[in-house]
Amino acid sequence: MAMAITLDGKTAKLHGKKRGKPKTAGGLVSSLGLSREEVLVKVDGKVRPEGFSIAGAKKVEVIRVVFGG
C-alpha cells in the first residue's frame, strides 16, 4: 500500500514495508530533517500529534508553520 507524503507542495509516495520507514508523525518529521516545532502533520486530513501512528494512512501532509516578528 502506498502512502502519499506532501511537503512544500510536492508529493511523493512511500510504498510497501520498507525498512526504516517512519511509523509515527514525529518519526516522519525527523526523517525529513525537520524540527517538530516548525511543522504540523496532517494525517488523512486531520492535524495529529508527533506520537500518532501513520501506519495505514493514505495521505500525510507536512505543513511548515510560519512564525516570527
Foldseek 3Di string as FASTA:
>chain_A
DWAWEADPRDIDIDDDDDPPPDFWQLSVCVVVVHDPVFWFKDFQHHTDDRRHTNVPTRYIYIGGDDDDD
